[in-house]
């Protein structure tokens, strides 16, 4: 079950008067009612440490525009991965911008983020083996032709990442 959480990008601003503990508690209550894998998707510059402090199994982010946002939370991310967490790298733009991207270029963007996270102490083997490749956000509002091309490009990025990371890594 994936929870779409677009408001987390506003957390911490003067417009959101909710404390960190309350956000984590409310997300925890949602997850308590879900059996199986629990995930959260955020499309913005999010305080990932709040989400990573919950019993979430999968985090999904717009890595195309906000991939570096994880670097501020390297320690929490490392703990998340050590407990079996999964990252859905939303690297393929969920817009017509994907039509001007290549699988190689998008894979290089992921590699850049992985390298920075490794420099910050996140276990590189876990980063390589605990990832999925996805579009940056939902595609429901797009024309079917554009959505299909985004899914096709996403599959190509995944294959490129498997090639780059080697056969010992899980399929990202």
Protein backbone atom coordinates (compact mmCIF):
# COMPACT_ATOMS: atom_id res chain seq x y z
CA UNK A 1 0.00 0.00 0.00
CA UNK A 2 1.49 3.30 -1.07
CA UNK A 3 0.41 6.49 0.69
CA UNK A 4 0.56 9.58 -1.47
CA UNK A 5 1.76 12.36 0.84
CA UNK A 6 2.01 15.62 -1.10
CA UNK A 7 1.81 17.79 2.03
CA UNK A 8 5.11 16.58 3.52
CA UNK A 9 6.98 19.04 1.32
CA UNK A 10 5.29 21.80 3.35
CA UNK A 11 6.20 20.29 6.71
CA UNK A 12 8.54 22.56 8.64
CA UNK A 13 7.25 25.73 7.02
CA UNK A 14 5.38 28.40 8.94
CA UNK A 15 2.21 27.24 7.15
CA UNK A 16 2.21 23.83 8.83
CA UNK A 17 1.74 23.95 12.58
CA UNK A 18 2.22 20.25 13.21
CA UNK A 19 5.12 18.91 15.27
CA UNK A 20 7.48 16.22 13.99
CA UNK A 21 6.28 13.69 16.58
CA UNK A 22 2.66 14.22 15.56
CA UNK A 23 3.44 13.68 11.87
CA UNK A 24 5.33 10.45 12.64
CA UNK A 25 2.54 9.28 14.97
CA UNK A 26 -0.19 9.94 12.40
CA UNK A 27 1.73 8.14 9.66
CA UNK A 28 2.34 5.29 12.11
CA UNK A 29 -1.40 5.04 12.75
CA UNK A 30 -2.05 4.75 9.03
CA UNK A 31 0.60 2.05 8.69
CA UNK A 32 -0.76 0.14 11.70
CA UNK A 33 -3.92 -0.48 9.67
CA UNK A 34 -2.07 -1.81 6.63
CA UNK A 35 -0.92 -5.39 6.21
CA UNK A 36 1.98 -6.12 3.89
CA UNK A 37 4.45 -3.61 2.53
CA UNK A 38 3.83 0.01 3.47
CA UNK A 39 5.12 2.87 1.40
CA UNK A 40 5.06 6.64 1.15
CA UNK A 41 5.45 8.71 -2.00
CA UNK A 42 6.48 12.37 -1.70
CA UNK A 43 6.97 14.63 -4.69
CA UNK A 44 8.90 17.47 -3.14
CA UNK A 45 11.79 18.52 -0.96
CA UNK A 46 10.73 16.48 2.06
CA UNK A 47 12.12 15.99 5.55
CA UNK A 48 12.71 12.29 4.94
CA UNK A 49 13.90 11.72 8.52
CA UNK A 50 10.29 12.03 9.72
CA UNK A 51 9.05 9.41 7.27
CA UNK A 52 12.07 7.17 7.88
CA UNK A 53 11.27 7.18 11.61
CA UNK A 54 7.96 5.40 10.93
CA UNK A 55 7.44 1.70 10.15
CA UNK A 56 7.50 2.46 6.41
CA UNK A 57 8.96 -0.24 4.12
CA UNK A 58 9.24 1.75 0.88
CA UNK A 59 9.95 5.40 0.24
CA UNK A 60 9.18 6.75 -3.20
CA UNK A 61 10.57 10.09 -4.25
CA UNK A 62 10.83 12.36 -7.23
CA UNK A 63 14.52 11.66 -7.70
CA UNK A 64 14.53 13.58 -10.98
CA UNK A 65 13.94 16.93 -9.27
CA UNK A 66 14.58 16.18 -5.58
CA UNK A 67 16.97 13.21 -5.42
CA UNK A 68 19.55 15.19 -3.48
CA UNK A 69 16.97 15.79 -0.72
CA UNK A 70 17.92 12.39 0.72
CA UNK A 71 21.50 13.53 1.35
CA UNK A 72 20.41 15.63 4.33
CA UNK A 73 19.08 12.45 5.95
CA UNK A 74 21.90 10.00 5.25
CA UNK A 75 22.05 8.55 8.76
CA UNK A 76 18.29 7.89 8.89
CA UNK A 77 18.40 6.47 5.36
CA UNK A 78 21.22 4.09 6.26
CA UNK A 79 19.24 2.80 9.27
CA UNK A 80 16.16 2.41 7.03
CA UNK A 81 18.12 0.34 4.51
CA UNK A 82 19.67 -1.79 7.26
CA UNK A 83 16.19 -2.74 8.44
CA UNK A 84 15.25 -3.85 4.93
CA UNK A 85 13.85 -0.61 3.50
CA UNK A 86 13.39 -0.06 -0.22
CA UNK A 87 13.82 3.16 -2.21
CA UNK A 88 11.72 3.78 -5.31
CA UNK A 89 13.86 6.17 -7.33
CA UNK A 90 11.37 8.23 -9.34
CA UNK A 91 13.97 9.23 -11.89
CA UNK A 92 11.88 9.32 -15.06
CA UNK A 93 10.03 12.65 -15.26
CA UNK A 94 6.27 12.19 -15.09
CA UNK A 95 5.76 14.73 -17.84
CA UNK A 96 6.56 15.37 -21.47
CA UNK A 97 10.10 16.27 -20.27
CA UNK A 98 10.77 12.52 -20.31
CA UNK A 99 10.61 12.61 -24.10
CA UNK A 100 13.92 14.50 -24.19
CA UNK A 101 15.72 12.22 -21.69
CA UNK A 102 17.75 9.05 -22.24
CA UNK A 103 18.09 5.93 -20.14
CA UNK A 104 21.83 6.51 -19.88
CA UNK A 105 21.41 10.10 -18.74
CA UNK A 106 18.82 9.20 -16.11
CA UNK A 107 20.92 6.27 -14.87
CA UNK A 108 23.85 8.67 -14.47
CA UNK A 109 21.64 10.94 -12.36
CA UNK A 110 20.83 8.02 -10.04
CA UNK A 111 24.50 7.05 -9.87
CA UNK A 112 25.39 10.60 -8.86
CA UNK A 113 22.90 10.49 -5.99
CA UNK A 114 24.09 7.02 -4.93
CA UNK A 115 27.71 8.20 -4.94
CA UNK A 116 26.89 11.22 -2.77
CA UNK A 117 24.91 9.10 -0.30
CA UNK A 118 27.81 6.62 -0.11
CA UNK A 119 30.21 9.49 0.61
CA UNK A 120 27.92 10.44 3.49
CA UNK A 121 28.14 6.94 4.98
CA UNK A 122 25.12 5.16 3.53
CA UNK A 123 25.95 1.52 2.82
CA UNK A 124 26.63 1.41 -0.93
CA UNK A 125 25.76 -2.29 -1.25
CA UNK A 126 22.39 -1.68 0.35
CA UNK A 127 21.81 1.35 -1.87
CA UNK A 128 22.54 -0.72 -4.96
CA UNK A 129 20.45 -3.70 -3.90
CA UNK A 130 17.47 -1.98 -2.29
CA UNK A 131 16.26 0.20 -5.10
CA UNK A 132 13.49 0.30 -7.64
CA UNK A 133 13.28 2.56 -10.67
CA UNK A 134 9.99 4.36 -11.26
CA UNK A 135 8.48 7.46 -12.79
CA UNK A 136 8.83 10.56 -10.60
CA UNK A 137 5.09 10.74 -9.92
CA UNK A 138 1.75 9.43 -11.14
CA UNK A 139 0.95 9.37 -14.83
CA UNK A 140 -2.85 9.33 -14.70
CA UNK A 141 -3.28 12.84 -16.10
CA UNK A 142 -1.06 12.25 -19.13
CA UNK A 143 -2.04 11.17 -22.61
CA UNK A 144 -1.69 7.38 -22.94
CA UNK A 145 1.04 7.75 -25.59
CA UNK A 146 3.17 9.91 -23.25
CA UNK A 147 2.55 7.62 -20.26
CA UNK A 148 3.56 4.56 -22.31
CA UNK A 149 6.78 6.23 -23.42
CA UNK A 150 7.56 7.10 -19.77
CA UNK A 151 7.04 3.48 -18.71
CA UNK A 152 9.21 2.32 -21.60
CA UNK A 153 11.99 4.74 -20.63
CA UNK A 154 11.69 3.67 -16.98
CA UNK A 155 12.20 0.02 -17.98
CA UNK A 156 15.28 1.04 -19.99
CA UNK A 157 16.69 2.97 -17.01
CA UNK A 158 16.16 -0.10 -14.82
CA UNK A 159 18.00 -2.31 -17.32
CA UNK A 160 20.82 0.25 -17.52
CA UNK A 161 21.14 0.33 -13.73
CA UNK A 162 21.32 -3.47 -13.57
CA UNK A 163 24.07 -3.36 -16.19
CA UNK A 164 25.98 -0.62 -14.33
CA UNK A 165 25.62 -2.11 -10.86
CA UNK A 166 26.47 -5.64 -11.96
CA UNK A 167 24.58 -8.87 -11.73
CA UNK A 168 25.16 -9.24 -7.97
CA UNK A 169 22.81 -6.35 -7.24
CA UNK A 170 19.07 -6.85 -7.05
CA UNK A 171 17.08 -5.40 -9.89
CA UNK A 172 16.64 -1.73 -9.02
